[in-house]
């Protein structure tokens, strides 16, 4: 995987946007790239779990927006689903849990932080709808590059 987010921003400054600096890595890999699948949740992860469990994820990054509500929406169970279906990574505009074991899966996972509690009862989510994180609109099919320097969003694959 030969890319560096800093180089992409330098070379393609007119084609790149970056998410804010508050994301931290909790997955088994810290550098990944892929095409976006967007998920909008209201605290509960039922629809995200179903997506990760049932859909193949080769070359895909799931971008999850929960408006930074303080509940975990990804943990070791969802990371196992993502790993089993070959997703490249998950970006959560919110919180994750089970971070001791989420690093055991060869899937990228970045989030704003951790929270031990998940939200019950079940609530419906939306798949492949436009979402906005850190003033960057992300839609299905946008291309994403992640490394320790940050998260770059583009409308097309650059490398």
C-alpha atoms as a PDB file:
ATOM      1  CA  UNK A   1       0.000   0.000   0.000  1.00  0.00           C
ATOM      2  CA  UNK A   2       2.173   2.803  -1.269  1.00  0.00           C
ATOM      3  CA  UNK A   3       0.651   6.108  -0.224  1.00  0.00           C
ATOM      4  CA  UNK A   4       1.123   8.702   2.468  1.00  0.00           C
ATOM      5  CA  UNK A   5      -1.722  11.050   3.300  1.00  0.00           C
ATOM      6  CA  UNK A   6       0.653  14.026   3.553  1.00  0.00           C
ATOM      7  CA  UNK A   7       1.963  13.363   0.025  1.00  0.00           C
ATOM      8  CA  UNK A   8      -1.583  13.020  -1.324  1.00  0.00           C
ATOM      9  CA  UNK A   9      -2.526  16.372   0.193  1.00  0.00           C
ATOM     10  CA  UNK A  10       0.581  17.991  -1.309  1.00  0.00           C
ATOM     11  CA  UNK A  11       0.221  16.499  -4.764  1.00  0.00           C
ATOM     12  CA  UNK A  12      -3.574  16.711  -5.047  1.00  0.00           C
ATOM     13  CA  UNK A  13      -4.375  19.708  -2.853  1.00  0.00           C
ATOM     14  CA  UNK A  14      -7.369  20.634  -5.015  1.00  0.00           C
ATOM     15  CA  UNK A  15      -8.872  17.125  -4.763  1.00  0.00           C
ATOM     16  CA  UNK A  16      -8.380  16.264  -1.088  1.00  0.00           C
ATOM     17  CA  UNK A  17     -10.230  17.052   2.125  1.00  0.00           C
ATOM     18  CA  UNK A  18      -9.184  15.891   5.576  1.00  0.00           C
ATOM     19  CA  UNK A  19     -11.105  14.919   8.674  1.00  0.00           C
ATOM     20  CA  UNK A  20     -10.189  16.602  11.947  1.00  0.00           C
ATOM     21  CA  UNK A  21      -7.355  15.581  14.271  1.00  0.00           C
ATOM     22  CA  UNK A  22      -9.488  13.915  16.959  1.00  0.00           C
ATOM     23  CA  UNK A  23      -9.498  10.417  15.439  1.00  0.00           C
ATOM     24  CA  UNK A  24      -7.424   7.678  17.074  1.00  0.00           C
ATOM     25  CA  UNK A  25      -6.529   4.218  15.779  1.00  0.00           C
ATOM     26  CA  UNK A  26      -7.982   1.144  17.507  1.00  0.00           C
ATOM     27  CA  UNK A  27      -7.690  -1.495  14.777  1.00  0.00           C
ATOM     28  CA  UNK A  28      -5.128  -4.071  13.790  1.00  0.00           C
ATOM     29  CA  UNK A  29      -3.808  -1.959  10.913  1.00  0.00           C
ATOM     30  CA  UNK A  30      -3.107   1.784  10.886  1.00  0.00           C
ATOM     31  CA  UNK A  31      -2.758   2.343   7.136  1.00  0.00           C
ATOM     32  CA  UNK A  32      -5.620   1.479   4.785  1.00  0.00           C
ATOM     33  CA  UNK A  33      -7.562   2.764   1.798  1.00  0.00           C
ATOM     34  CA  UNK A  34     -10.835   2.043   0.074  1.00  0.00           C
ATOM     35  CA  UNK A  35     -14.169   3.169  -1.281  1.00  0.00           C
ATOM     36  CA  UNK A  36     -16.702   4.579   1.191  1.00  0.00           C
ATOM     37  CA  UNK A  37     -19.904   2.977   2.378  1.00  0.00           C
ATOM     38  CA  UNK A  38     -21.723   5.480   4.602  1.00  0.00           C
ATOM     39  CA  UNK A  39     -23.825   4.588   7.627  1.00  0.00           C
ATOM     40  CA  UNK A  40     -25.869   7.045   9.707  1.00  0.00           C
ATOM     41  CA  UNK A  41     -26.836   5.681  13.128  1.00  0.00           C
ATOM     42  CA  UNK A  42     -28.814   6.960  16.079  1.00  0.00           C
ATOM     43  CA  UNK A  43     -26.709   5.396  18.843  1.00  0.00           C
ATOM     44  CA  UNK A  44     -27.587   1.726  18.151  1.00  0.00           C
ATOM     45  CA  UNK A  45     -25.460  -0.404  15.797  1.00  0.00           C
ATOM     46  CA  UNK A  46     -27.966  -3.026  14.566  1.00  0.00           C
ATOM     47  CA  UNK A  47     -27.861  -1.913  10.919  1.00  0.00           C
ATOM     48  CA  UNK A  48     -24.074  -1.555  10.958  1.00  0.00           C
ATOM     49  CA  UNK A  49     -23.702  -5.060  12.393  1.00  0.00           C
ATOM     50  CA  UNK A  50     -26.008  -6.455   9.705  1.00  0.00           C
ATOM     51  CA  UNK A  51     -24.037  -4.717   6.933  1.00  0.00           C
ATOM     52  CA  UNK A  52     -20.670  -5.973   8.200  1.00  0.00           C
ATOM     53  CA  UNK A  53     -21.991  -9.497   8.738  1.00  0.00           C
ATOM     54  CA  UNK A  54     -23.865  -9.930   5.446  1.00  0.00           C
ATOM     55  CA  UNK A  55     -22.089  -7.859   2.759  1.00  0.00           C
ATOM     56  CA  UNK A  56     -18.652  -8.486   1.267  1.00  0.00           C
ATOM     57  CA  UNK A  57     -16.288  -5.634   2.003  1.00  0.00           C
ATOM     58  CA  UNK A  58     -13.322  -6.087  -0.348  1.00  0.00           C
ATOM     59  CA  UNK A  59     -11.869  -2.625  -1.005  1.00  0.00           C
ATOM     60  CA  UNK A  60     -14.453  -0.911   1.215  1.00  0.00           C
ATOM     61  CA  UNK A  61     -14.267   1.386   4.228  1.00  0.00           C
ATOM     62  CA  UNK A  62     -17.400   1.875   6.301  1.00  0.00           C
ATOM     63  CA  UNK A  63     -17.810   5.453   7.517  1.00  0.00           C
ATOM     64  CA  UNK A  64     -20.167   5.639  10.484  1.00  0.00           C
ATOM     65  CA  UNK A  65     -21.740   8.831  11.799  1.00  0.00           C
ATOM     66  CA  UNK A  66     -23.440   8.847  15.188  1.00  0.00           C
ATOM     67  CA  UNK A  67     -23.035  12.586  15.805  1.00  0.00           C
ATOM     68  CA  UNK A  68     -20.400  11.772  18.444  1.00  0.00           C
ATOM     69  CA  UNK A  69     -23.058  10.512  20.871  1.00  0.00           C
ATOM     70  CA  UNK A  70     -21.360   8.845  23.833  1.00  0.00           C
ATOM     71  CA  UNK A  71     -22.159   5.195  23.141  1.00  0.00           C
ATOM     72  CA  UNK A  72     -19.909   2.569  21.555  1.00  0.00           C
ATOM     73  CA  UNK A  73     -21.041   1.404  18.116  1.00  0.00           C
ATOM     74  CA  UNK A  74     -18.096  -0.867  17.221  1.00  0.00           C
ATOM     75  CA  UNK A  75     -16.428  -3.508  19.366  1.00  0.00           C
ATOM     76  CA  UNK A  76     -14.779  -6.880  18.926  1.00  0.00           C
ATOM     77  CA  UNK A  77     -17.907  -8.589  17.530  1.00  0.00           C
ATOM     78  CA  UNK A  78     -18.324  -6.084  14.698  1.00  0.00           C
ATOM     79  CA  UNK A  79     -14.576  -6.144  14.020  1.00  0.00           C
ATOM     80  CA  UNK A  80     -14.837  -9.924  13.597  1.00  0.00           C
ATOM     81  CA  UNK A  81     -17.669  -9.459  11.071  1.00  0.00           C
ATOM     82  CA  UNK A  82     -15.582  -6.836   9.238  1.00  0.00           C
ATOM     83  CA  UNK A  83     -12.558  -9.126   9.218  1.00  0.00           C
ATOM     84  CA  UNK A  84     -14.537 -12.161   8.052  1.00  0.00           C
ATOM     85  CA  UNK A  85     -15.959 -10.163   5.122  1.00  0.00           C
ATOM     86  CA  UNK A  86     -12.617  -8.524   4.233  1.00  0.00           C
ATOM     87  CA  UNK A  87     -13.436  -4.868   4.930  1.00  0.00           C
ATOM     88  CA  UNK A  88     -10.433  -2.536   4.782  1.00  0.00           C
ATOM     89  CA  UNK A  89     -11.527  -0.438   7.715  1.00  0.00           C
ATOM     90  CA  UNK A  90     -14.154   1.385   9.739  1.00  0.00           C
ATOM     91  CA  UNK A  91     -14.181   5.103  10.568  1.00  0.00           C
ATOM     92  CA  UNK A  92     -16.479   6.062  13.452  1.00  0.00           C
ATOM     93  CA  UNK A  93     -17.527   9.634  14.159  1.00  0.00           C
ATOM     94  CA  UNK A  94     -18.145   8.479  17.698  1.00  0.00           C
ATOM     95  CA  UNK A  95     -16.897   5.816  20.059  1.00  0.00           C
ATOM     96  CA  UNK A  96     -15.749   2.200  20.157  1.00  0.00           C
ATOM     97  CA  UNK A  97     -15.112  -0.411  22.845  1.00  0.00           C
ATOM     98  CA  UNK A  98     -13.255  -3.703  23.401  1.00  0.00           C
ATOM     99  CA  UNK A  99     -10.108  -1.921  22.203  1.00  0.00           C
ATOM    100  CA  UNK A 100      -7.783  -4.497  23.739  1.00  0.00           C
ATOM    101  CA  UNK A 101      -9.152  -7.042  21.247  1.00  0.00           C
ATOM    102  CA  UNK A 102     -10.140  -4.817  18.298  1.00  0.00           C
ATOM    103  CA  UNK A 103      -6.408  -4.588  17.536  1.00  0.00           C
ATOM    104  CA  UNK A 104      -6.362  -8.379  16.952  1.00  0.00           C
ATOM    105  CA  UNK A 105      -8.187  -8.011  13.615  1.00  0.00           C
ATOM    106  CA  UNK A 106      -6.417  -6.990  10.394  1.00  0.00           C
ATOM    107  CA  UNK A 107      -8.963  -4.257   9.810  1.00  0.00           C
ATOM    108  CA  UNK A 108      -8.432  -0.540  10.309  1.00  0.00           C
ATOM    109  CA  UNK A 109     -10.537   1.134  12.979  1.00  0.00           C
ATOM    110  CA  UNK A 110     -10.427   4.830  13.797  1.00  0.00           C
ATOM    111  CA  UNK A 111     -12.793   6.674  16.126  1.00  0.00           C
ATOM    112  CA  UNK A 112     -13.035   9.753  18.320  1.00  0.00           C
ATOM    113  CA  UNK A 113     -12.524   7.699  21.490  1.00  0.00           C
ATOM    114  CA  UNK A 114     -13.744   4.855  23.644  1.00  0.00           C
ATOM    115  CA  UNK A 115     -16.866   4.165  25.691  1.00  0.00           C
ATOM    116  CA  UNK A 116     -17.658   0.882  27.457  1.00  0.00           C
ATOM    117  CA  UNK A 117     -21.434   1.185  27.012  1.00  0.00           C
ATOM    118  CA  UNK A 118     -23.512   0.319  23.946  1.00  0.00           C
ATOM    119  CA  UNK A 119     -27.003   1.691  23.341  1.00  0.00           C
ATOM    120  CA  UNK A 120     -30.064  -0.453  23.884  1.00  0.00           C
ATOM    121  CA  UNK A 121     -32.858  -0.577  22.601  1.00  0.00           C
ATOM    122  CA  UNK A 122     -32.501  -1.111  18.868  1.00  0.00           C
ATOM    123  CA  UNK A 123     -32.950   1.910  16.621  1.00  0.00           C
ATOM    124  CA  UNK A 124     -32.961   2.094  12.829  1.00  0.00           C
ATOM    125  CA  UNK A 125     -30.004   3.426  10.867  1.00  0.00           C
ATOM    126  CA  UNK A 126     -29.496   4.498   7.250  1.00  0.00           C
ATOM    127  CA  UNK A 127     -27.034   3.020   4.754  1.00  0.00           C
ATOM    128  CA  UNK A 128     -25.438   4.918   1.843  1.00  0.00           C
ATOM    129  CA  UNK A 129     -26.775   8.358   2.718  1.00  0.00           C
ATOM    130  CA  UNK A 130     -24.615  11.497   2.615  1.00  0.00           C
ATOM    131  CA  UNK A 131     -23.013  12.250   5.971  1.00  0.00           C
ATOM    132  CA  UNK A 132     -20.944  15.192   7.172  1.00  0.00           C
ATOM    133  CA  UNK A 133     -18.027  14.762   9.554  1.00  0.00           C
ATOM    134  CA  UNK A 134     -15.787  17.670  10.555  1.00  0.00           C
ATOM    135  CA  UNK A 135     -17.398  19.821   7.820  1.00  0.00           C
ATOM    136  CA  UNK A 136     -16.526  17.251   5.122  1.00  0.00           C
ATOM    137  CA  UNK A 137     -19.413  15.679   3.218  1.00  0.00           C
ATOM    138  CA  UNK A 138     -18.872  11.983   2.504  1.00  0.00           C
ATOM    139  CA  UNK A 139     -21.008  10.000   0.082  1.00  0.00           C
ATOM    140  CA  UNK A 140     -21.007   6.392  -1.048  1.00  0.00           C
ATOM    141  CA  UNK A 141     -18.118   5.772  -3.425  1.00  0.00           C
ATOM    142  CA  UNK A 142     -15.833   8.558  -2.189  1.00  0.00           C
ATOM    143  CA  UNK A 143     -12.287   7.265  -1.807  1.00  0.00           C
ATOM    144  CA  UNK A 144     -10.555   7.300   1.566  1.00  0.00           C
ATOM    145  CA  UNK A 145      -6.906   7.072   2.589  1.00  0.00           C
ATOM    146  CA  UNK A 146      -5.927   6.588   6.240  1.00  0.00           C
ATOM    147  CA  UNK A 147      -2.485   6.517   7.848  1.00  0.00           C
ATOM    148  CA  UNK A 148      -1.057   7.724  11.173  1.00  0.00           C
ATOM    149  CA  UNK A 149      -1.033  11.333   9.875  1.00  0.00           C
ATOM    150  CA  UNK A 150      -4.758  11.493   9.187  1.00  0.00           C
ATOM    151  CA  UNK A 151      -7.801  10.694   7.090  1.00  0.00           C
ATOM    152  CA  UNK A 152      -8.049  11.989   3.518  1.00  0.00           C
ATOM    153  CA  UNK A 153     -11.330  12.011   1.578  1.00  0.00           C
ATOM    154  CA  UNK A 154     -11.395  12.328  -2.237  1.00  0.00           C
ATOM    155  CA  UNK A 155     -14.056  11.973  -4.911  1.00  0.00           C
ATOM    156  CA  UNK A 156     -11.839   9.573  -6.907  1.00  0.00           C
ATOM    157  CA  UNK A 157      -9.066   7.068  -6.376  1.00  0.00           C
ATOM    158  CA  UNK A 158      -5.749   8.958  -6.596  1.00  0.00           C
ATOM    159  CA  UNK A 159      -3.162   6.153  -6.328  1.00  0.00           C
END
